[in-house]
Structures are given as structure tokens and as C-alpha cells.
Amino acid sequence: MSTAITTDSGNNTAQQFLRGARMFAPVAISIAAYGVVWGVLARQAGLSIGEVVLMSALVFAGASQFVALDLWTPGALPVGAIVFAVMIVNLRLMLMTATLRPLVAHLPPWRAALSMGLVVDENWAMTMGEVARGRGSVAYLLGGGVVSYVTWLLATLSGRLLGSAIDDPSRYGLDFAFTATFLVLLFGMWKGKSDLVPWIVAALAAILTARLVPGHWHIVVGGLTGSLAGALVETRRRQRDVA
């Protein structure tokens, strides 16, 4: 699998950035929807406007922020539990950013680290789709990342400000936006029947873990087992092609 890595700082990089931002725009609508939901729930949990802005700006991770809200107790904030839970949920990002190493290998370490700071599930999935087509680039990744970051900040802040007007997000179907976004991304990455194995393994592992283990370990277990199953399937496929 080849990757077209953009290393220049001229028009090509700008074009790739704008292309990434443009292609990410439809996904940003879904991000805005569940960002508003998070802002509404944050208001109900007692977070101030400043706390909402700081969490969205510094954490910038929708799933983790939803988990943090479940543990948020004003006056007796369980800081240790929140940090640990967020860390567990975000472990999947270590796997995701590791797959992007070929795109940032030519960058200085500090620039590569900053680039990875804008990686979320959605722009990672879209960038990996581009890599599979032989035209992935850091600029494309950052284009989607910047749009995602700005959208998330504005959406969560809007939800916090409009919280009194949207007392029940499920009434407007906003609570399903988070799930719908990932379903679209999942099927957008479909490459054939071989994808079914890691998807099914990840789903079964996550469901079983959710039933047996308290907390949010099912996210990590599902991601790790699905990745392992996918690696095994890919290895067997390559061995078969060589034979």
C-alpha cells in the first residue's frame, strides 16, 4: 500500500488542507449535533461556561467528555476517577495515531505530536481511507482536524448557552447523532467481506466486556481485540497471496 505524503509547503499542501476541510464538512454537522447534546448535559451537570470551553479546548474528545460528565459531581469532584476513566477511553487513540506514523515520519517530533493532537475518530477514518487510495497526507488530516476542533468548541458552547431551551436532547433525536456518525464512517471504510471478521470480533468482545466488567473497559477491549483480529486476517491474506 503506497501513500502520497505531502512534504512541501506550497500550493499542494494548501490544496490538501482545504480538500480535507471541505470533505470533512458533512461530518462536522453530526459533530455539531452531539456537541450541542454534550453542552446541554454539561449545563445540567453544573459546569460553568468557562469549564465547558476549557474542557472542550483541552480535552477535545467527545467520548471521553461524555464519560467525564457521568462522573461529574459538583462540590465533591472525583478528579482521580475522571482522569482514569478518560485515559481508559482514550487509549484507542494510541492505536489510531500509530497507524498514521508513515504520514508524519518526515516531520520534526514536536510537529508530529502537534499534528496528532488534532486526530479524532472521524478524521482518522477519512485519512486512512485516503491512505488506502494512495493519496494520504498530513495536510489532509489537519484540514479535517481543524474543522472538527472549531466545530466541537462552538457546538459545545452553544449547547451550554442554549441548555435551558433544549431540556431533552432525545426529543429532537440529537442523542443518536454520535452513534449515527460512527455508523456512517464504519460503512464508508468497508472494503469487502474480510472486514466482517474484525468488526464482529470487536463487537462481541465489547458487548461481553460491558456485561461482565464495570466502567468503560469495553471500549478498550473491543478496540484491541478488533485490531488484533484485523491484523491476523490481513497477515493470512498476504500469506495466501504470496503462496
C-alpha atoms as a PDB file:
ATOM      1  CA  MET A   1       0.000   0.000   0.000  1.00  0.00           C
ATOM      2  CA  SER A   2       1.505   3.313  -1.061  1.00  0.00           C
ATOM      3  CA  THR A   3       0.951   6.724   0.463  1.00  0.00           C
ATOM      4  CA  ALA A   4       1.369  10.069  -1.232  1.00  0.00           C
ATOM      5  CA  ILE A   5       2.843  12.163   1.588  1.00  0.00           C
ATOM      6  CA  THR A   6       2.790  15.904   1.092  1.00  0.00           C
ATOM      7  CA  THR A   7       6.028  17.404   2.374  1.00  0.00           C
ATOM      8  CA  ASP A   8       6.189  20.746   0.593  1.00  0.00           C
ATOM      9  CA  SER A   9       4.765  23.960   1.996  1.00  0.00           C
ATOM     10  CA  GLY A  10       3.446  25.346  -1.261  1.00  0.00           C
ATOM     11  CA  ASN A  11       0.159  25.180  -3.110  1.00  0.00           C
ATOM     12  CA  ASN A  12      -0.116  21.394  -2.894  1.00  0.00           C
ATOM     13  CA  THR A  13      -0.148  21.475   0.905  1.00  0.00           C
ATOM     14  CA  ALA A  14      -2.745  24.245   0.941  1.00  0.00           C
ATOM     15  CA  GLN A  15      -4.896  22.362  -1.546  1.00  0.00           C
ATOM     16  CA  GLN A  16      -4.702  19.180   0.520  1.00  0.00           C
ATOM     17  CA  PHE A  17      -5.624  21.093   3.685  1.00  0.00           C
ATOM     18  CA  LEU A  18      -8.621  22.730   2.023  1.00  0.00           C
ATOM     19  CA  ARG A  19      -9.660  19.415   0.491  1.00  0.00           C
ATOM     20  CA  GLY A  20      -9.569  17.763   3.904  1.00  0.00           C
ATOM     21  CA  ALA A  21     -11.604  20.584   5.416  1.00  0.00           C
ATOM     22  CA  ARG A  22     -14.138  20.510   2.580  1.00  0.00           C
ATOM     23  CA  MET A  23     -14.632  16.751   2.678  1.00  0.00           C
ATOM     24  CA  PHE A  24     -14.957  16.846   6.468  1.00  0.00           C
ATOM     25  CA  ALA A  25     -17.732  19.464   6.389  1.00  0.00           C
ATOM     26  CA  PRO A  26     -20.652  16.956   6.197  1.00  0.00           C
ATOM     27  CA  VAL A  27     -19.198  15.022   9.141  1.00  0.00           C
ATOM     28  CA  ALA A  28     -18.877  18.280  11.070  1.00  0.00           C
ATOM     29  CA  ILE A  29     -22.677  18.603  11.003  1.00  0.00           C
ATOM     30  CA  SER A  30     -23.004  15.397  13.022  1.00  0.00           C
ATOM     31  CA  ILE A  31     -20.222  16.514  15.363  1.00  0.00           C
ATOM     32  CA  ALA A  32     -22.114  19.753  15.918  1.00  0.00           C
ATOM     33  CA  ALA A  33     -25.278  17.810  16.765  1.00  0.00           C
ATOM     34  CA  TYR A  34     -23.770  15.695  19.526  1.00  0.00           C
ATOM     35  CA  GLY A  35     -21.580  18.606  20.602  1.00  0.00           C
ATOM     36  CA  VAL A  36     -24.754  20.534  21.371  1.00  0.00           C
ATOM     37  CA  VAL A  37     -26.034  17.487  23.292  1.00  0.00           C
ATOM     38  CA  TRP A  38     -22.853  17.435  25.365  1.00  0.00           C
ATOM     39  CA  GLY A  39     -23.186  21.148  26.074  1.00  0.00           C
ATOM     40  CA  VAL A  40     -26.779  20.674  27.241  1.00  0.00           C
ATOM     41  CA  LEU A  41     -25.778  17.793  29.508  1.00  0.00           C
ATOM     42  CA  ALA A  42     -22.818  19.805  30.802  1.00  0.00           C
ATOM     43  CA  ARG A  43     -25.175  22.564  31.879  1.00  0.00           C
ATOM     44  CA  GLN A  44     -27.380  20.027  33.633  1.00  0.00           C
ATOM     45  CA  ALA A  45     -24.286  18.614  35.377  1.00  0.00           C
ATOM     46  CA  GLY A  46     -23.413  22.062  36.703  1.00  0.00           C
ATOM     47  CA  LEU A  47     -20.445  23.040  34.518  1.00  0.00           C
ATOM     48  CA  SER A  48     -19.915  26.748  34.011  1.00  0.00           C
ATOM     49  CA  ILE A  49     -19.406  28.306  30.586  1.00  0.00           C
ATOM     50  CA  GLY A  50     -15.693  28.639  31.288  1.00  0.00           C
ATOM     51  CA  GLU A  51     -15.407  24.990  32.323  1.00  0.00           C
ATOM     52  CA  VAL A  52     -17.194  23.877  29.164  1.00  0.00           C
ATOM     53  CA  VAL A  53     -14.851  25.906  26.956  1.00  0.00           C
ATOM     54  CA  LEU A  54     -11.730  24.705  28.776  1.00  0.00           C
ATOM     55  CA  MET A  55     -12.723  21.037  28.708  1.00  0.00           C
ATOM     56  CA  SER A  56     -13.631  21.114  25.023  1.00  0.00           C
ATOM     57  CA  ALA A  57     -10.469  23.030  24.136  1.00  0.00           C
ATOM     58  CA  LEU A  58      -8.026  20.984  26.212  1.00  0.00           C
ATOM     59  CA  VAL A  59      -9.561  17.504  26.169  1.00  0.00           C
ATOM     60  CA  PHE A  60     -11.150  17.666  22.696  1.00  0.00           C
ATOM     61  CA  ALA A  61     -12.527  14.124  22.815  1.00  0.00           C
ATOM     62  CA  GLY A  62     -16.273  13.625  22.600  1.00  0.00           C
ATOM     63  CA  ALA A  63     -16.478  10.103  24.027  1.00  0.00           C
ATOM     64  CA  SER A  64     -14.182  10.988  26.932  1.00  0.00           C
ATOM     65  CA  GLN A  65     -16.098  14.148  27.717  1.00  0.00           C
ATOM     66  CA  PHE A  66     -19.376  12.237  27.844  1.00  0.00           C
ATOM     67  CA  VAL A  67     -17.725   9.788  30.258  1.00  0.00           C
ATOM     68  CA  ALA A  68     -16.439  12.682  32.388  1.00  0.00           C
ATOM     69  CA  LEU A  69     -19.969  14.076  32.676  1.00  0.00           C
ATOM     70  CA  ASP A  70     -21.204  10.768  34.088  1.00  0.00           C
ATOM     71  CA  LEU A  71     -18.716  11.173  36.947  1.00  0.00           C
ATOM     72  CA  TRP A  72     -19.041  14.942  37.393  1.00  0.00           C
ATOM     73  CA  THR A  73     -20.189  15.765  40.930  1.00  0.00           C
ATOM     74  CA  PRO A  74     -20.002  19.474  41.808  1.00  0.00           C
ATOM     75  CA  GLY A  75     -18.685  20.043  45.319  1.00  0.00           C
ATOM     76  CA  ALA A  76     -17.092  16.589  45.537  1.00  0.00           C
ATOM     77  CA  LEU A  77     -15.379  16.213  42.197  1.00  0.00           C
ATOM     78  CA  PRO A  78     -13.722  12.760  41.836  1.00  0.00           C
ATOM     79  CA  VAL A  79     -10.721  14.070  39.897  1.00  0.00           C
ATOM     80  CA  GLY A  80      -8.771  10.809  40.056  1.00  0.00           C
ATOM     81  CA  ALA A  81     -11.689   8.731  38.797  1.00  0.00           C
ATOM     82  CA  ILE A  82     -12.395  11.169  35.951  1.00  0.00           C
ATOM     83  CA  VAL A  83      -8.754  11.255  34.820  1.00  0.00           C
ATOM     84  CA  PHE A  84      -8.510   7.457  34.920  1.00  0.00           C
ATOM     85  CA  ALA A  85     -11.792   6.933  33.048  1.00  0.00           C
ATOM     86  CA  VAL A  86     -10.837   9.452  30.353  1.00  0.00           C
ATOM     87  CA  MET A  87      -7.431   7.813  29.991  1.00  0.00           C
ATOM     88  CA  ILE A  88      -9.032   4.388  29.508  1.00  0.00           C
ATOM     89  CA  VAL A  89     -11.439   5.674  26.858  1.00  0.00           C
ATOM     90  CA  ASN A  90      -8.656   7.489  25.024  1.00  0.00           C
ATOM     91  CA  LEU A  91      -6.303   4.512  24.883  1.00  0.00           C
ATOM     92  CA  ARG A  92      -7.771   3.728  21.479  1.00  0.00           C
ATOM     93  CA  LEU A  93      -6.124   6.893  20.167  1.00  0.00           C
ATOM     94  CA  MET A  94      -2.706   5.322  20.724  1.00  0.00           C
ATOM     95  CA  LEU A  95      -3.605   2.612  18.235  1.00  0.00           C
ATOM     96  CA  MET A  96      -5.140   5.075  15.799  1.00  0.00           C
ATOM     97  CA  THR A  97      -2.240   7.534  15.773  1.00  0.00           C
ATOM     98  CA  ALA A  98       0.257   4.675  15.457  1.00  0.00           C
ATOM     99  CA  THR A  99      -1.278   3.827  12.064  1.00  0.00           C
ATOM    100  CA  LEU A 100      -0.585   7.410  10.954  1.00  0.00           C
ATOM    101  CA  ARG A 101       3.146   7.225  11.662  1.00  0.00           C
ATOM    102  CA  PRO A 102       4.091   6.935   7.952  1.00  0.00           C
ATOM    103  CA  LEU A 103       2.412  10.284   7.306  1.00  0.00           C
ATOM    104  CA  VAL A 104       4.365  12.179   9.976  1.00  0.00           C
ATOM    105  CA  ALA A 105       7.677  10.307   9.875  1.00  0.00           C
ATOM    106  CA  HIS A 106       9.301  13.158   7.902  1.00  0.00           C
ATOM    107  CA  LEU A 107       8.253  15.827  10.419  1.00  0.00           C
ATOM    108  CA  PRO A 108      10.201  17.014  13.487  1.00  0.00           C
ATOM    109  CA  PRO A 109       8.900  15.243  16.622  1.00  0.00           C
ATOM    110  CA  TRP A 110       7.220  18.358  18.020  1.00  0.00           C
ATOM    111  CA  ARG A 111       5.313  18.981  14.786  1.00  0.00           C
ATOM    112  CA  ALA A 112       4.276  15.352  14.567  1.00  0.00           C
ATOM    113  CA  ALA A 113       2.994  15.487  18.160  1.00  0.00           C
ATOM    114  CA  LEU A 114       1.009  18.657  17.469  1.00  0.00           C
ATOM    115  CA  SER A 115      -0.493  17.067  14.354  1.00  0.00           C
ATOM    116  CA  MET A 116      -1.624  14.037  16.356  1.00  0.00           C
ATOM    117  CA  GLY A 117      -3.333  16.387  18.817  1.00  0.00           C
ATOM    118  CA  LEU A 118      -5.996  17.070  16.184  1.00  0.00           C
ATOM    119  CA  VAL A 119      -6.722  13.412  15.456  1.00  0.00           C
ATOM    120  CA  VAL A 120     -10.255  12.273  16.255  1.00  0.00           C
ATOM    121  CA  ASP A 121     -12.115   9.154  15.193  1.00  0.00           C
ATOM    122  CA  GLU A 122     -13.743  10.840  12.231  1.00  0.00           C
ATOM    123  CA  ASN A 123     -10.773  12.493  10.542  1.00  0.00           C
ATOM    124  CA  TRP A 124      -8.624   9.445  11.309  1.00  0.00           C
ATOM    125  CA  ALA A 125     -11.122   7.224   9.448  1.00  0.00           C
ATOM    126  CA  MET A 126     -11.270   9.620   6.493  1.00  0.00           C
ATOM    127  CA  THR A 127      -7.475   9.961   6.341  1.00  0.00           C
ATOM    128  CA  MET A 128      -6.994   6.193   6.458  1.00  0.00           C
ATOM    129  CA  GLY A 129      -9.440   5.960   3.569  1.00  0.00           C
ATOM    130  CA  GLU A 130      -7.240   8.375   1.638  1.00  0.00           C
ATOM    131  CA  VAL A 131      -4.125   6.396   2.555  1.00  0.00           C
ATOM    132  CA  ALA A 132      -5.763   3.231   1.226  1.00  0.00           C
ATOM    133  CA  ARG A 133      -6.288   5.059  -2.071  1.00  0.00           C
ATOM    134  CA  GLY A 134      -2.634   6.121  -2.172  1.00  0.00           C
ATOM    135  CA  ARG A 135      -3.132   9.830  -1.553  1.00  0.00           C
ATOM    136  CA  GLY A 136      -2.988  10.409   2.192  1.00  0.00           C
ATOM    137  CA  SER A 137      -1.228  13.489   3.580  1.00  0.00           C
ATOM    138  CA  VAL A 138      -0.672  15.339   6.839  1.00  0.00           C
ATOM    139  CA  ALA A 139      -2.297  18.432   5.338  1.00  0.00           C
ATOM    140  CA  TYR A 140      -5.481  16.475   4.564  1.00  0.00           C
ATOM    141  CA  LEU A 141      -5.541  15.147   8.138  1.00  0.00           C
ATOM    142  CA  LEU A 142      -5.092  18.630   9.585  1.00  0.00           C
ATOM    143  CA  GLY A 143      -7.780  20.112   7.349  1.00  0.00           C
ATOM    144  CA  GLY A 144     -10.368  17.805   8.844  1.00  0.00           C
ATOM    145  CA  GLY A 145      -8.864  18.177  12.314  1.00  0.00           C
ATOM    146  CA  VAL A 146      -9.122  21.963  12.367  1.00  0.00           C
ATOM    147  CA  VAL A 147     -12.746  21.873  11.192  1.00  0.00           C
ATOM    148  CA  SER A 148     -13.508  19.243  13.832  1.00  0.00           C
ATOM    149  CA  TYR A 149     -11.847  21.273  16.595  1.00  0.00           C
ATOM    150  CA  VAL A 150     -13.611  24.529  15.773  1.00  0.00           C
ATOM    151  CA  THR A 151     -16.952  22.761  15.315  1.00  0.00           C
ATOM    152  CA  TRP A 152     -16.652  20.972  18.646  1.00  0.00           C
ATOM    153  CA  LEU A 153     -15.776  24.163  20.520  1.00  0.00           C
ATOM    154  CA  LEU A 154     -18.650  26.145  19.021  1.00  0.00           C
ATOM    155  CA  ALA A 155     -21.177  23.308  19.355  1.00  0.00           C
ATOM    156  CA  THR A 156     -20.461  22.502  22.998  1.00  0.00           C
ATOM    157  CA  LEU A 157     -20.512  26.193  23.902  1.00  0.00           C
ATOM    158  CA  SER A 158     -23.815  26.629  22.039  1.00  0.00           C
ATOM    159  CA  GLY A 159     -25.304  23.651  23.879  1.00  0.00           C
ATOM    160  CA  ARG A 160     -24.238  25.134  27.200  1.00  0.00           C
ATOM    161  CA  LEU A 161     -25.759  28.512  26.340  1.00  0.00           C
ATOM    162  CA  LEU A 162     -28.957  27.004  24.903  1.00  0.00           C
ATOM    163  CA  GLY A 163     -29.288  24.334  27.586  1.00  0.00           C
ATOM    164  CA  SER A 164     -32.428  25.833  29.066  1.00  0.00           C
ATOM    165  CA  ALA A 165     -34.181  25.730  25.670  1.00  0.00           C
ATOM    166  CA  ILE A 166     -33.205  22.119  24.876  1.00  0.00           C
ATOM    167  CA  ASP A 167     -34.105  20.321  28.078  1.00  0.00           C
ATOM    168  CA  ASP A 168     -34.388  16.867  26.464  1.00  0.00           C
ATOM    169  CA  PRO A 169     -31.941  16.188  23.565  1.00  0.00           C
ATOM    170  CA  SER A 170     -33.577  12.813  22.804  1.00  0.00           C
ATOM    171  CA  ARG A 171     -36.802  14.606  21.946  1.00  0.00           C
ATOM    172  CA  TYR A 172     -35.091  16.016  18.847  1.00  0.00           C
ATOM    173  CA  GLY A 173     -33.109  12.880  18.045  1.00  0.00           C
ATOM    174  CA  LEU A 174     -29.818  14.618  18.876  1.00  0.00           C
ATOM    175  CA  ASP A 175     -28.766  11.815  21.202  1.00  0.00           C
ATOM    176  CA  PHE A 176     -28.421   9.455  18.208  1.00  0.00           C
ATOM    177  CA  ALA A 177     -26.078  11.762  16.270  1.00  0.00           C
ATOM    178  CA  PHE A 178     -22.978  10.327  17.980  1.00  0.00           C
ATOM    179  CA  THR A 179     -23.910   6.751  17.010  1.00  0.00           C
ATOM    180  CA  ALA A 180     -25.033   7.706  13.502  1.00  0.00           C
ATOM    181  CA  THR A 181     -21.725   9.414  12.734  1.00  0.00           C
ATOM    182  CA  PHE A 182     -19.695   6.325  13.544  1.00  0.00           C
ATOM    183  CA  LEU A 183     -22.018   4.023  11.631  1.00  0.00           C
ATOM    184  CA  VAL A 184     -21.543   6.149   8.508  1.00  0.00           C
ATOM    185  CA  LEU A 185     -17.756   6.162   8.963  1.00  0.00           C
ATOM    186  CA  LEU A 186     -17.720   2.422   9.579  1.00  0.00           C
ATOM    187  CA  PHE A 187     -19.583   1.538   6.408  1.00  0.00           C
ATOM    188  CA  GLY A 188     -17.599   4.133   4.478  1.00  0.00           C
ATOM    189  CA  MET A 189     -14.447   2.115   5.264  1.00  0.00           C
ATOM    190  CA  TRP A 190     -15.990  -1.158   4.041  1.00  0.00           C
ATOM    191  CA  LYS A 191     -13.589  -2.929   1.681  1.00  0.00           C
ATOM    192  CA  GLY A 192     -15.129  -6.393   1.464  1.00  0.00           C
ATOM    193  CA  LYS A 193     -16.235  -9.466   3.376  1.00  0.00           C
ATOM    194  CA  SER A 194     -12.864  -9.751   5.115  1.00  0.00           C
ATOM    195  CA  ASP A 195     -13.809  -6.677   7.180  1.00  0.00           C
ATOM    196  CA  LEU A 196     -16.601  -8.625   8.832  1.00  0.00           C
ATOM    197  CA  VAL A 197     -14.219 -10.684  10.967  1.00  0.00           C
ATOM    198  CA  PRO A 198     -12.600  -7.827  12.959  1.00  0.00           C
ATOM    199  CA  TRP A 199     -15.925  -5.964  13.166  1.00  0.00           C
ATOM    200  CA  ILE A 200     -17.758  -8.974  14.592  1.00  0.00           C
ATOM    201  CA  VAL A 201     -14.903  -9.866  16.945  1.00  0.00           C
ATOM    202  CA  ALA A 202     -14.693  -6.272  18.231  1.00  0.00           C
ATOM    203  CA  ALA A 203     -18.465  -6.052  18.708  1.00  0.00           C
ATOM    204  CA  LEU A 204     -18.732  -9.361  20.581  1.00  0.00           C
ATOM    205  CA  ALA A 205     -15.724  -8.563  22.770  1.00  0.00           C
ATOM    206  CA  ALA A 206     -17.111  -5.124  23.625  1.00  0.00           C
ATOM    207  CA  ILE A 207     -20.590  -6.455  24.419  1.00  0.00           C
ATOM    208  CA  LEU A 208     -19.233  -9.267  26.588  1.00  0.00           C
ATOM    209  CA  THR A 209     -16.898  -6.909  28.450  1.00  0.00           C
ATOM    210  CA  ALA A 210     -19.683  -4.372  29.007  1.00  0.00           C
ATOM    211  CA  ARG A 211     -21.799  -7.084  30.626  1.00  0.00           C
ATOM    212  CA  LEU A 212     -19.046  -8.509  32.818  1.00  0.00           C
ATOM    213  CA  VAL A 213     -16.755  -5.584  33.670  1.00  0.00           C
ATOM    214  CA  PRO A 214     -17.970  -2.289  35.166  1.00  0.00           C
ATOM    215  CA  GLY A 215     -16.819   1.012  33.727  1.00  0.00           C
ATOM    216  CA  HIS A 216     -15.788   1.732  30.152  1.00  0.00           C
ATOM    217  CA  TRP A 217     -13.307  -1.074  29.577  1.00  0.00           C
ATOM    218  CA  HIS A 218     -15.487  -2.424  26.771  1.00  0.00           C
ATOM    219  CA  ILE A 219     -14.230   0.393  24.507  1.00  0.00           C
ATOM    220  CA  VAL A 220     -10.594  -0.565  25.004  1.00  0.00           C
ATOM    221  CA  VAL A 221     -11.196  -4.326  24.863  1.00  0.00           C
ATOM    222  CA  GLY A 222     -13.308  -4.014  21.707  1.00  0.00           C
ATOM    223  CA  GLY A 223     -10.706  -1.845  20.001  1.00  0.00           C
ATOM    224  CA  LEU A 224      -7.766  -4.079  20.915  1.00  0.00           C
ATOM    225  CA  THR A 225      -9.419  -7.384  20.009  1.00  0.00           C
ATOM    226  CA  GLY A 226     -10.814  -5.965  16.766  1.00  0.00           C
ATOM    227  CA  SER A 227      -7.389  -4.618  15.810  1.00  0.00           C
ATOM    228  CA  LEU A 228      -5.744  -7.956  16.611  1.00  0.00           C
ATOM    229  CA  ALA A 229      -8.340  -9.841  14.582  1.00  0.00           C
ATOM    230  CA  GLY A 230      -7.878  -7.437  11.667  1.00  0.00           C
ATOM    231  CA  ALA A 231      -4.084  -7.869  11.803  1.00  0.00           C
ATOM    232  CA  LEU A 232      -4.425 -11.653  11.781  1.00  0.00           C
ATOM    233  CA  VAL A 233      -6.829 -11.557   8.840  1.00  0.00           C
ATOM    234  CA  GLU A 234      -4.501  -9.241   6.896  1.00  0.00           C
ATOM    235  CA  THR A 235      -1.492 -11.438   7.673  1.00  0.00           C
ATOM    236  CA  ARG A 236      -3.262 -14.567   6.446  1.00  0.00           C
ATOM    237  CA  ARG A 237      -4.416 -12.766   3.320  1.00  0.00           C
ATOM    238  CA  ARG A 238      -0.874 -11.678   2.468  1.00  0.00           C
ATOM    239  CA  GLN A 239       0.497 -15.172   3.103  1.00  0.00           C
ATOM    240  CA  ARG A 240      -2.153 -16.591   0.802  1.00  0.00           C
ATOM    241  CA  ASP A 241      -1.313 -14.047  -1.917  1.00  0.00           C
ATOM    242  CA  VAL A 242       2.392 -14.889  -1.686  1.00  0.00           C
ATOM    243  CA  ALA A 243       1.663 -18.614  -1.879  1.00  0.00           C
END
